[in-house]
Amino acid sequence: MDLFKSHLSKALVVKGDLETDGEVHIHGRVLGQVCADRLVVGSSGYLEGDVIARDVRIEGRMAGRIFALNVTLDSAADVTGRIFHNTITVAKGARIDARMPWRPPSYFETLETLPEARQ
């Protein structure tokens, strides 16, 4: 499956939405929505926006909403927002300023567009 893996380097800044059926690794900055099968925000990466994915791993910084069946927050993760998940793993040292509501797997199977933000 390495064929469907995209890496956005440290020097790259993306302003806009990303969509793929594969895997995205962010090492630079992304300002926008990401839809992918798997998302990894690397230790030098920053994502400001919403995510819809099957699996999400945050090693760097993220501000926004995550909608993912499986979420992993590494020890250097710094997350602000909301994390809608079925399973979540949080390493010791991760910084989280977020609500983390659990959702059943069926919630993610029918998720095609982002729910509206509630105030």
N, C-alpha and C. Protein backbone atom coordinates (compact mmCIF):
# COMPACT_ATOMS: atom_id res chain seq x y z
N MET A 1 0.81 -1.21 0.00
CA MET A 1 0.00 0.00 0.00
C MET A 1 0.84 1.26 0.00
N ASP A 2 2.18 1.15 0.01
CA ASP A 2 3.04 2.33 -0.04
C ASP A 2 2.77 3.16 -1.28
N LEU A 3 2.17 2.55 -2.30
CA LEU A 3 1.86 3.23 -3.53
C LEU A 3 0.91 4.40 -3.31
N PHE A 4 0.06 4.30 -2.29
CA PHE A 4 -0.94 5.33 -2.03
C PHE A 4 -0.60 6.18 -0.83
N LYS A 5 0.69 6.40 -0.58
CA LYS A 5 1.14 7.18 0.56
C LYS A 5 1.70 8.50 0.06
N SER A 6 1.23 9.61 0.61
CA SER A 6 1.72 10.95 0.23
C SER A 6 2.39 11.59 1.43
N HIS A 7 3.54 12.22 1.19
CA HIS A 7 4.28 12.92 2.24
C HIS A 7 4.36 14.39 1.89
N LEU A 8 3.93 15.24 2.80
CA LEU A 8 4.03 16.69 2.62
C LEU A 8 5.19 17.14 3.50
N SER A 9 6.25 17.66 2.88
CA SER A 9 7.49 17.95 3.59
C SER A 9 7.40 19.15 4.53
N LYS A 10 8.42 19.30 5.37
CA LYS A 10 8.50 20.39 6.35
C LYS A 10 8.40 21.75 5.69
N ALA A 11 8.93 21.89 4.49
CA ALA A 11 8.97 23.19 3.82
C ALA A 11 7.64 23.56 3.15
N LEU A 12 6.68 22.64 3.14
CA LEU A 12 5.44 22.84 2.40
C LEU A 12 4.34 23.42 3.29
N VAL A 13 3.64 24.43 2.75
CA VAL A 13 2.44 24.97 3.39
C VAL A 13 1.30 24.80 2.40
N VAL A 14 0.25 24.12 2.83
CA VAL A 14 -0.92 23.90 1.98
C VAL A 14 -2.09 24.66 2.58
N LYS A 15 -2.71 25.51 1.76
CA LYS A 15 -3.93 26.22 2.16
C LYS A 15 -5.04 25.72 1.27
N GLY A 16 -5.88 24.85 1.83
CA GLY A 16 -6.95 24.24 1.05
C GLY A 16 -7.21 22.83 1.53
N ASP A 17 -8.14 22.17 0.87
CA ASP A 17 -8.57 20.84 1.30
C ASP A 17 -7.79 19.76 0.57
N LEU A 18 -7.52 18.66 1.29
CA LEU A 18 -6.84 17.49 0.74
C LEU A 18 -7.78 16.31 0.80
N GLU A 19 -7.80 15.51 -0.27
CA GLU A 19 -8.64 14.32 -0.28
C GLU A 19 -7.92 13.19 -1.00
N THR A 20 -7.89 12.01 -0.36
CA THR A 20 -7.25 10.84 -0.94
C THR A 20 -7.88 9.58 -0.37
N ASP A 21 -7.82 8.51 -1.14
CA ASP A 21 -8.24 7.20 -0.64
C ASP A 21 -7.09 6.52 0.07
N GLY A 22 -5.92 7.13 0.03
CA GLY A 22 -4.72 6.54 0.61
C GLY A 22 -4.34 7.17 1.94
N GLU A 23 -3.02 7.25 2.15
CA GLU A 23 -2.45 7.71 3.41
C GLU A 23 -1.71 9.03 3.19
N VAL A 24 -1.87 9.96 4.12
CA VAL A 24 -1.19 11.26 4.04
C VAL A 24 -0.34 11.45 5.29
N HIS A 25 0.92 11.86 5.09
CA HIS A 25 1.83 12.20 6.19
C HIS A 25 2.12 13.70 6.07
N ILE A 26 1.78 14.46 7.10
CA ILE A 26 2.01 15.90 7.09
C ILE A 26 3.21 16.21 7.98
N HIS A 27 4.25 16.78 7.36
CA HIS A 27 5.45 17.19 8.10
C HIS A 27 5.58 18.71 8.06
N GLY A 28 4.80 19.36 7.19
CA GLY A 28 4.77 20.81 7.09
C GLY A 28 3.50 21.35 7.72
N ARG A 29 2.88 22.34 7.07
CA ARG A 29 1.65 22.96 7.60
C ARG A 29 0.52 22.79 6.61
N VAL A 30 -0.64 22.39 7.12
CA VAL A 30 -1.85 22.29 6.31
C VAL A 30 -2.93 23.10 7.00
N LEU A 31 -3.52 24.02 6.25
CA LEU A 31 -4.63 24.83 6.73
C LEU A 31 -5.83 24.49 5.87
N GLY A 32 -6.64 23.56 6.35
CA GLY A 32 -7.79 23.11 5.57
C GLY A 32 -8.24 21.73 6.02
N GLN A 33 -9.25 21.22 5.34
CA GLN A 33 -9.84 19.93 5.67
C GLN A 33 -9.04 18.81 5.01
N VAL A 34 -8.91 17.67 5.72
CA VAL A 34 -8.24 16.50 5.17
C VAL A 34 -9.19 15.31 5.24
N CYS A 35 -9.40 14.67 4.10
CA CYS A 35 -10.16 13.43 4.03
C CYS A 35 -9.21 12.37 3.48
N ALA A 36 -8.98 11.31 4.24
CA ALA A 36 -8.04 10.27 3.84
C ALA A 36 -8.41 8.96 4.52
N ASP A 37 -7.83 7.87 4.03
CA ASP A 37 -8.01 6.60 4.72
C ASP A 37 -7.23 6.64 6.02
N ARG A 38 -5.98 7.14 5.93
CA ARG A 38 -5.12 7.23 7.12
C ARG A 38 -4.38 8.56 7.08
N LEU A 39 -4.30 9.23 8.22
CA LEU A 39 -3.59 10.50 8.34
C LEU A 39 -2.56 10.41 9.45
N VAL A 40 -1.35 10.88 9.16
CA VAL A 40 -0.31 10.99 10.18
C VAL A 40 0.17 12.43 10.16
N VAL A 41 0.08 13.11 11.30
CA VAL A 41 0.68 14.43 11.45
C VAL A 41 2.00 14.19 12.16
N GLY A 42 3.10 14.36 11.42
CA GLY A 42 4.43 14.09 11.96
C GLY A 42 4.82 15.06 13.07
N SER A 43 5.94 14.78 13.72
CA SER A 43 6.36 15.58 14.87
C SER A 43 6.61 17.05 14.50
N SER A 44 6.96 17.33 13.26
CA SER A 44 7.17 18.71 12.82
C SER A 44 5.93 19.26 12.12
N GLY A 45 4.88 18.47 12.03
CA GLY A 45 3.68 18.85 11.29
C GLY A 45 2.69 19.67 12.11
N TYR A 46 1.87 20.43 11.37
CA TYR A 46 0.79 21.22 11.98
C TYR A 46 -0.41 21.17 11.05
N LEU A 47 -1.56 20.83 11.59
CA LEU A 47 -2.80 20.80 10.83
C LEU A 47 -3.82 21.67 11.54
N GLU A 48 -4.36 22.63 10.80
CA GLU A 48 -5.44 23.47 11.32
C GLU A 48 -6.63 23.26 10.41
N GLY A 49 -7.59 22.48 10.90
CA GLY A 49 -8.76 22.14 10.11
C GLY A 49 -9.35 20.84 10.60
N ASP A 50 -10.34 20.36 9.86
CA ASP A 50 -11.05 19.15 10.25
C ASP A 50 -10.53 17.95 9.47
N VAL A 51 -10.70 16.76 10.07
CA VAL A 51 -10.21 15.52 9.48
C VAL A 51 -11.32 14.48 9.48
N ILE A 52 -11.47 13.79 8.35
CA ILE A 52 -12.28 12.58 8.29
C ILE A 52 -11.34 11.49 7.80
N ALA A 53 -11.16 10.45 8.61
CA ALA A 53 -10.26 9.35 8.23
C ALA A 53 -10.63 8.10 9.01
N ARG A 54 -10.13 6.97 8.53
CA ARG A 54 -10.33 5.72 9.27
C ARG A 54 -9.38 5.68 10.46
N ASP A 55 -8.12 6.04 10.21
CA ASP A 55 -7.09 6.05 11.26
C ASP A 55 -6.37 7.39 11.26
N VAL A 56 -6.16 7.94 12.46
CA VAL A 56 -5.42 9.20 12.60
C VAL A 56 -4.36 9.02 13.67
N ARG A 57 -3.14 9.47 13.35
CA ARG A 57 -2.05 9.46 14.32
C ARG A 57 -1.49 10.88 14.38
N ILE A 58 -1.48 11.47 15.58
CA ILE A 58 -0.95 12.82 15.76
C ILE A 58 0.34 12.72 16.56
N GLU A 59 1.42 13.14 15.93
CA GLU A 59 2.72 13.21 16.59
C GLU A 59 3.10 14.67 16.83
N GLY A 60 2.51 15.57 16.05
CA GLY A 60 2.81 17.00 16.13
C GLY A 60 1.63 17.78 16.68
N ARG A 61 1.28 18.89 15.99
CA ARG A 61 0.22 19.77 16.47
C ARG A 61 -1.00 19.73 15.55
N MET A 62 -2.17 19.86 16.16
CA MET A 62 -3.43 19.85 15.42
C MET A 62 -4.43 20.72 16.13
N ALA A 63 -5.15 21.54 15.36
CA ALA A 63 -6.25 22.35 15.88
C ALA A 63 -7.45 22.13 14.97
N GLY A 64 -8.52 21.57 15.51
CA GLY A 64 -9.70 21.30 14.70
C GLY A 64 -10.44 20.09 15.22
N ARG A 65 -11.27 19.53 14.35
CA ARG A 65 -12.06 18.35 14.72
C ARG A 65 -11.53 17.12 14.00
N ILE A 66 -11.49 16.01 14.72
CA ILE A 66 -11.10 14.74 14.15
C ILE A 66 -12.31 13.82 14.18
N PHE A 67 -12.62 13.22 13.03
CA PHE A 67 -13.66 12.21 12.93
C PHE A 67 -12.97 10.95 12.42
N ALA A 68 -12.63 10.03 13.33
CA ALA A 68 -11.87 8.84 12.93
C ALA A 68 -12.23 7.66 13.81
N LEU A 69 -12.29 6.50 13.19
CA LEU A 69 -12.58 5.27 13.90
C LEU A 69 -11.51 5.01 14.96
N ASN A 70 -10.23 5.16 14.58
CA ASN A 70 -9.12 4.92 15.49
C ASN A 70 -8.22 6.15 15.53
N VAL A 71 -7.91 6.62 16.73
CA VAL A 71 -7.06 7.80 16.91
C VAL A 71 -5.92 7.44 17.86
N THR A 72 -4.71 7.87 17.51
CA THR A 72 -3.54 7.68 18.36
C THR A 72 -2.87 9.03 18.56
N LEU A 73 -2.67 9.41 19.82
CA LEU A 73 -1.98 10.66 20.15
C LEU A 73 -0.66 10.29 20.80
N ASP A 74 0.45 10.62 20.13
CA ASP A 74 1.78 10.32 20.64
C ASP A 74 2.15 11.27 21.78
N SER A 75 3.25 10.98 22.44
CA SER A 75 3.66 11.76 23.62
C SER A 75 3.94 13.22 23.30
N ALA A 76 4.32 13.55 22.07
CA ALA A 76 4.59 14.94 21.69
C ALA A 76 3.38 15.62 21.07
N ALA A 77 2.25 14.93 20.99
CA ALA A 77 1.05 15.50 20.36
C ALA A 77 0.54 16.70 21.16
N ASP A 78 0.04 17.69 20.42
CA ASP A 78 -0.56 18.90 21.01
C ASP A 78 -1.84 19.16 20.23
N VAL A 79 -2.99 18.79 20.82
CA VAL A 79 -4.26 18.81 20.10
C VAL A 79 -5.26 19.73 20.79
N THR A 80 -5.90 20.58 19.98
CA THR A 80 -6.97 21.45 20.46
C THR A 80 -8.18 21.23 19.57
N GLY A 81 -9.35 21.01 20.15
CA GLY A 81 -10.56 20.84 19.36
C GLY A 81 -11.45 19.75 19.89
N ARG A 82 -11.94 18.89 18.98
CA ARG A 82 -12.80 17.76 19.34
C ARG A 82 -12.30 16.53 18.62
N ILE A 83 -12.38 15.40 19.31
CA ILE A 83 -11.91 14.14 18.74
C ILE A 83 -13.05 13.13 18.82
N PHE A 84 -13.76 12.94 17.72
CA PHE A 84 -14.84 11.96 17.64
C PHE A 84 -14.19 10.64 17.24
N HIS A 85 -14.32 9.61 18.06
CA HIS A 85 -13.57 8.37 17.86
C HIS A 85 -14.37 7.16 18.33
N ASN A 86 -13.92 5.97 17.89
CA ASN A 86 -14.40 4.73 18.44
C ASN A 86 -13.36 4.18 19.41
N THR A 87 -12.08 4.24 19.02
CA THR A 87 -11.00 3.88 19.93
C THR A 87 -9.96 4.99 19.91
N ILE A 88 -9.38 5.27 21.07
CA ILE A 88 -8.35 6.30 21.15
C ILE A 88 -7.24 5.81 22.08
N THR A 89 -6.02 6.09 21.67
CA THR A 89 -4.85 5.76 22.48
C THR A 89 -4.10 7.06 22.72
N VAL A 90 -3.85 7.37 23.99
CA VAL A 90 -3.16 8.61 24.34
C VAL A 90 -1.88 8.26 25.10
N ALA A 91 -0.74 8.68 24.55
CA ALA A 91 0.54 8.42 25.21
C ALA A 91 0.77 9.43 26.33
N LYS A 92 1.49 9.00 27.34
CA LYS A 92 1.84 9.89 28.44
C LYS A 92 2.61 11.09 27.89
N GLY A 93 2.22 12.28 28.28
CA GLY A 93 2.88 13.50 27.83
C GLY A 93 2.12 14.24 26.75
N ALA A 94 1.15 13.61 26.11
CA ALA A 94 0.36 14.28 25.08
C ALA A 94 -0.42 15.45 25.71
N ARG A 95 -0.46 16.57 24.98
CA ARG A 95 -1.20 17.74 25.46
C ARG A 95 -2.52 17.80 24.71
N ILE A 96 -3.62 17.77 25.46
CA ILE A 96 -4.93 17.72 24.85
C ILE A 96 -5.83 18.77 25.49
N ASP A 97 -6.36 19.66 24.66
CA ASP A 97 -7.37 20.62 25.08
C ASP A 97 -8.56 20.37 24.16
N ALA A 98 -9.26 19.26 24.43
CA ALA A 98 -10.30 18.82 23.51
C ALA A 98 -11.34 17.99 24.21
N ARG A 99 -12.52 18.01 23.66
CA ARG A 99 -13.54 17.04 24.06
C ARG A 99 -13.31 15.81 23.21
N MET A 100 -13.55 14.64 23.79
CA MET A 100 -13.28 13.40 23.06
C MET A 100 -14.49 12.47 23.12
N PRO A 101 -15.59 12.82 22.46
CA PRO A 101 -16.78 11.96 22.52
C PRO A 101 -16.60 10.66 21.75
N TRP A 102 -17.01 9.56 22.38
CA TRP A 102 -16.99 8.24 21.75
C TRP A 102 -18.15 8.13 20.77
N ARG A 103 -17.91 7.40 19.68
CA ARG A 103 -18.97 7.12 18.71
C ARG A 103 -18.89 5.65 18.30
N PRO A 104 -20.03 5.01 18.00
CA PRO A 104 -20.01 3.62 17.55
C PRO A 104 -19.44 3.53 16.13
N PRO A 105 -18.94 2.35 15.73
CA PRO A 105 -18.40 2.21 14.37
C PRO A 105 -19.38 2.62 13.28
N SER A 106 -20.66 2.39 13.47
CA SER A 106 -21.66 2.74 12.45
C SER A 106 -21.69 4.25 12.16
N TYR A 107 -21.34 5.06 13.14
CA TYR A 107 -21.30 6.52 12.96
C TYR A 107 -20.31 6.89 11.85
N PHE A 108 -19.17 6.22 11.80
CA PHE A 108 -18.13 6.54 10.83
C PHE A 108 -18.41 5.93 9.46
N GLU A 109 -19.14 4.81 9.42
CA GLU A 109 -19.47 4.17 8.14
C GLU A 109 -20.37 5.06 7.29
N THR A 110 -21.19 5.87 7.93
CA THR A 110 -22.13 6.71 7.19
C THR A 110 -21.66 8.16 7.09
N LEU A 111 -20.47 8.46 7.60
CA LEU A 111 -19.98 9.83 7.61
C LEU A 111 -19.37 10.18 6.25
N GLU A 112 -20.10 10.95 5.46
CA GLU A 112 -19.61 11.35 4.14
C GLU A 112 -19.22 12.82 4.12
N THR A 113 -19.88 13.61 4.94
CA THR A 113 -19.54 15.02 5.03
C THR A 113 -19.42 15.39 6.50
N LEU A 114 -18.76 16.47 6.77
CA LEU A 114 -18.56 16.90 8.16
C LEU A 114 -19.86 17.42 8.76
N PRO A 115 -20.17 16.98 9.97
CA PRO A 115 -21.32 17.56 10.68
C PRO A 115 -21.06 19.05 10.96
N GLU A 116 -22.13 19.79 11.04
CA GLU A 116 -21.97 21.22 11.34
C GLU A 116 -21.46 21.39 12.77
N ALA A 117 -20.66 22.40 12.95
CA ALA A 117 -20.11 22.68 14.28
C ALA A 117 -21.23 23.18 15.18
N ARG A 118 -21.24 22.67 16.40
CA ARG A 118 -22.22 23.13 17.39
C ARG A 118 -21.53 24.15 18.30
N GLN A 119 -22.22 25.21 18.56
CA GLN A 119 -21.66 26.27 19.43
C GLN A 119 -21.96 25.97 20.87
